[in-house]
Amino acid sequence: MMEMALWEQLALGAAVLLVIFWFKPGIKAALKQSEEAEKDWAGILLPVTIVILFVVFLVMTT
């Protein structure tokens, strides 16, 4: 396994920090939207349950 030189480690660390700061506003907005969307889970659970039960039914009848 090749080891990274010190300057490569520093460059990689700087790039990671830059990416974190660059995406921070988008991540913050996504977290806010996900908190607001928690109420919508009840609406998706019924169709998903029906699909799962239908697939189980198909497997059992084959």
N, C-alpha and C. Protein backbone atom coordinates (compact mmCIF):
# COMPACT_ATOMS: atom_id res chain seq x y z
N MET A 1 0.84 -1.18 0.00
CA MET A 1 0.00 0.00 0.00
C MET A 1 0.88 1.24 0.00
N MET A 2 0.58 2.15 -0.88
CA MET A 2 1.39 3.37 -0.98
C MET A 2 0.96 4.38 0.08
N GLU A 3 1.94 4.98 0.69
CA GLU A 3 1.63 6.01 1.68
C GLU A 3 1.67 7.38 1.01
N MET A 4 0.82 8.25 1.52
CA MET A 4 0.75 9.59 0.95
C MET A 4 1.81 10.47 1.60
N ALA A 5 2.38 11.36 0.80
CA ALA A 5 3.33 12.33 1.33
C ALA A 5 2.58 13.35 2.18
N LEU A 6 3.33 14.06 2.99
CA LEU A 6 2.72 15.04 3.89
C LEU A 6 1.96 16.10 3.11
N TRP A 7 2.53 16.59 2.02
CA TRP A 7 1.85 17.63 1.26
C TRP A 7 0.57 17.10 0.63
N GLU A 8 0.54 15.82 0.26
CA GLU A 8 -0.68 15.23 -0.30
C GLU A 8 -1.77 15.12 0.77
N GLN A 9 -1.37 14.76 1.98
CA GLN A 9 -2.34 14.68 3.08
C GLN A 9 -2.91 16.06 3.38
N LEU A 10 -2.04 17.07 3.39
CA LEU A 10 -2.51 18.43 3.66
C LEU A 10 -3.43 18.92 2.54
N ALA A 11 -3.09 18.63 1.29
CA ALA A 11 -3.93 19.03 0.17
C ALA A 11 -5.28 18.33 0.23
N LEU A 12 -5.27 17.04 0.57
CA LEU A 12 -6.52 16.30 0.69
C LEU A 12 -7.38 16.87 1.82
N GLY A 13 -6.77 17.18 2.96
CA GLY A 13 -7.51 17.78 4.07
C GLY A 13 -8.11 19.12 3.71
N ALA A 14 -7.33 19.94 2.99
CA ALA A 14 -7.84 21.24 2.57
C ALA A 14 -8.99 21.07 1.59
N ALA A 15 -8.89 20.10 0.69
CA ALA A 15 -9.96 19.86 -0.28
C ALA A 15 -11.23 19.40 0.44
N VAL A 16 -11.09 18.55 1.43
CA VAL A 16 -12.25 18.08 2.19
C VAL A 16 -12.91 19.25 2.92
N LEU A 17 -12.12 20.10 3.54
CA LEU A 17 -12.69 21.26 4.23
C LEU A 17 -13.39 22.19 3.25
N LEU A 18 -12.80 22.39 2.08
CA LEU A 18 -13.42 23.24 1.06
C LEU A 18 -14.76 22.67 0.62
N VAL A 19 -14.80 21.37 0.41
CA VAL A 19 -16.07 20.73 -0.01
C VAL A 19 -17.12 20.86 1.09
N ILE A 20 -16.72 20.67 2.33
CA ILE A 20 -17.68 20.80 3.45
C ILE A 20 -18.25 22.21 3.50
N PHE A 21 -17.37 23.21 3.41
CA PHE A 21 -17.86 24.59 3.46
C PHE A 21 -18.68 24.95 2.23
N TRP A 22 -18.35 24.36 1.09
CA TRP A 22 -19.06 24.64 -0.15
C TRP A 22 -20.47 24.07 -0.11
N PHE A 23 -20.63 22.86 0.43
CA PHE A 23 -21.94 22.21 0.46
C PHE A 23 -22.74 22.50 1.72
N LYS A 24 -22.17 23.23 2.67
CA LYS A 24 -22.85 23.48 3.95
C LYS A 24 -24.23 24.13 3.78
N PRO A 25 -24.41 25.16 2.95
CA PRO A 25 -25.76 25.73 2.80
C PRO A 25 -26.77 24.72 2.24
N GLY A 26 -26.33 23.91 1.29
CA GLY A 26 -27.23 22.91 0.72
C GLY A 26 -27.59 21.83 1.73
N ILE A 27 -26.62 21.41 2.53
CA ILE A 27 -26.87 20.40 3.56
C ILE A 27 -27.83 20.95 4.60
N LYS A 28 -27.63 22.21 4.99
CA LYS A 28 -28.51 22.84 5.99
C LYS A 28 -29.95 22.91 5.47
N ALA A 29 -30.12 23.30 4.21
CA ALA A 29 -31.45 23.38 3.62
C ALA A 29 -32.09 21.99 3.51
N ALA A 30 -31.29 20.99 3.15
CA ALA A 30 -31.82 19.63 3.03
C ALA A 30 -32.27 19.10 4.38
N LEU A 31 -31.52 19.39 5.43
CA LEU A 31 -31.92 18.95 6.77
C LEU A 31 -33.21 19.63 7.21
N LYS A 32 -33.35 20.91 6.88
CA LYS A 32 -34.57 21.63 7.24
C LYS A 32 -35.77 21.04 6.50
N GLN A 33 -35.60 20.74 5.21
CA GLN A 33 -36.69 20.14 4.43
C GLN A 33 -37.03 18.75 4.93
N SER A 34 -36.03 17.99 5.37
CA SER A 34 -36.31 16.64 5.85
C SER A 34 -37.08 16.68 7.16
N GLU A 35 -36.84 17.70 7.99
CA GLU A 35 -37.62 17.84 9.23
C GLU A 35 -39.08 18.14 8.91
N GLU A 36 -39.30 18.96 7.87
CA GLU A 36 -40.67 19.30 7.48
C GLU A 36 -41.36 18.13 6.80
N ALA A 37 -40.59 17.24 6.18
CA ALA A 37 -41.17 16.13 5.42
C ALA A 37 -41.43 14.90 6.29
N GLU A 38 -41.09 14.94 7.57
CA GLU A 38 -41.31 13.79 8.43
C GLU A 38 -42.79 13.43 8.53
N LYS A 39 -43.65 14.39 8.33
CA LYS A 39 -45.09 14.14 8.42
C LYS A 39 -45.58 13.31 7.23
N ASP A 40 -44.85 13.31 6.12
CA ASP A 40 -45.28 12.63 4.91
C ASP A 40 -45.03 11.13 4.93
N TRP A 41 -44.31 10.61 5.92
CA TRP A 41 -43.99 9.18 5.96
C TRP A 41 -45.23 8.32 6.10
N ALA A 42 -46.22 8.79 6.82
CA ALA A 42 -47.43 7.99 7.00
C ALA A 42 -48.13 7.75 5.66
N GLY A 43 -48.05 8.69 4.75
CA GLY A 43 -48.69 8.54 3.45
C GLY A 43 -47.99 7.54 2.55
N ILE A 44 -46.73 7.28 2.77
CA ILE A 44 -46.00 6.35 1.91
C ILE A 44 -45.98 4.94 2.49
N LEU A 45 -46.21 4.80 3.77
CA LEU A 45 -46.13 3.48 4.40
C LEU A 45 -47.20 2.53 3.88
N LEU A 46 -48.41 2.99 3.67
CA LEU A 46 -49.48 2.10 3.20
C LEU A 46 -49.18 1.54 1.81
N PRO A 47 -48.84 2.35 0.82
CA PRO A 47 -48.53 1.76 -0.49
C PRO A 47 -47.32 0.81 -0.46
N VAL A 48 -46.30 1.15 0.30
CA VAL A 48 -45.12 0.28 0.39
C VAL A 48 -45.51 -1.05 1.03
N THR A 49 -46.32 -1.01 2.06
CA THR A 49 -46.77 -2.24 2.71
C THR A 49 -47.59 -3.09 1.75
N ILE A 50 -48.45 -2.47 0.99
CA ILE A 50 -49.26 -3.21 0.02
C ILE A 50 -48.37 -3.88 -1.03
N VAL A 51 -47.37 -3.16 -1.52
CA VAL A 51 -46.46 -3.74 -2.52
C VAL A 51 -45.69 -4.91 -1.93
N ILE A 52 -45.20 -4.76 -0.72
CA ILE A 52 -44.45 -5.85 -0.08
C ILE A 52 -45.34 -7.07 0.10
N LEU A 53 -46.56 -6.86 0.58
CA LEU A 53 -47.47 -7.99 0.76
C LEU A 53 -47.81 -8.65 -0.57
N PHE A 54 -47.96 -7.87 -1.63
CA PHE A 54 -48.24 -8.43 -2.94
C PHE A 54 -47.06 -9.27 -3.44
N VAL A 55 -45.85 -8.79 -3.25
CA VAL A 55 -44.66 -9.55 -3.67
C VAL A 55 -44.56 -10.85 -2.88
N VAL A 56 -44.82 -10.78 -1.58
CA VAL A 56 -44.80 -12.00 -0.75
C VAL A 56 -45.87 -12.97 -1.25
N PHE A 57 -47.05 -12.46 -1.57
CA PHE A 57 -48.11 -13.30 -2.11
C PHE A 57 -47.68 -13.97 -3.41
N LEU A 58 -47.05 -13.22 -4.29
CA LEU A 58 -46.59 -13.80 -5.56
C LEU A 58 -45.54 -14.89 -5.34
N VAL A 59 -44.64 -14.66 -4.41
CA VAL A 59 -43.60 -15.64 -4.13
C VAL A 59 -44.22 -16.91 -3.53
N MET A 60 -45.18 -16.74 -2.67
CA MET A 60 -45.82 -17.90 -2.02
C MET A 60 -46.64 -18.72 -3.01
N THR A 61 -47.22 -18.11 -4.03
CA THR A 61 -48.06 -18.84 -4.97
C THR A 61 -47.27 -19.48 -6.11
N THR A 62 -45.99 -19.17 -6.20
CA THR A 62 -45.18 -19.72 -7.30
C THR A 62 -44.65 -21.08 -6.96
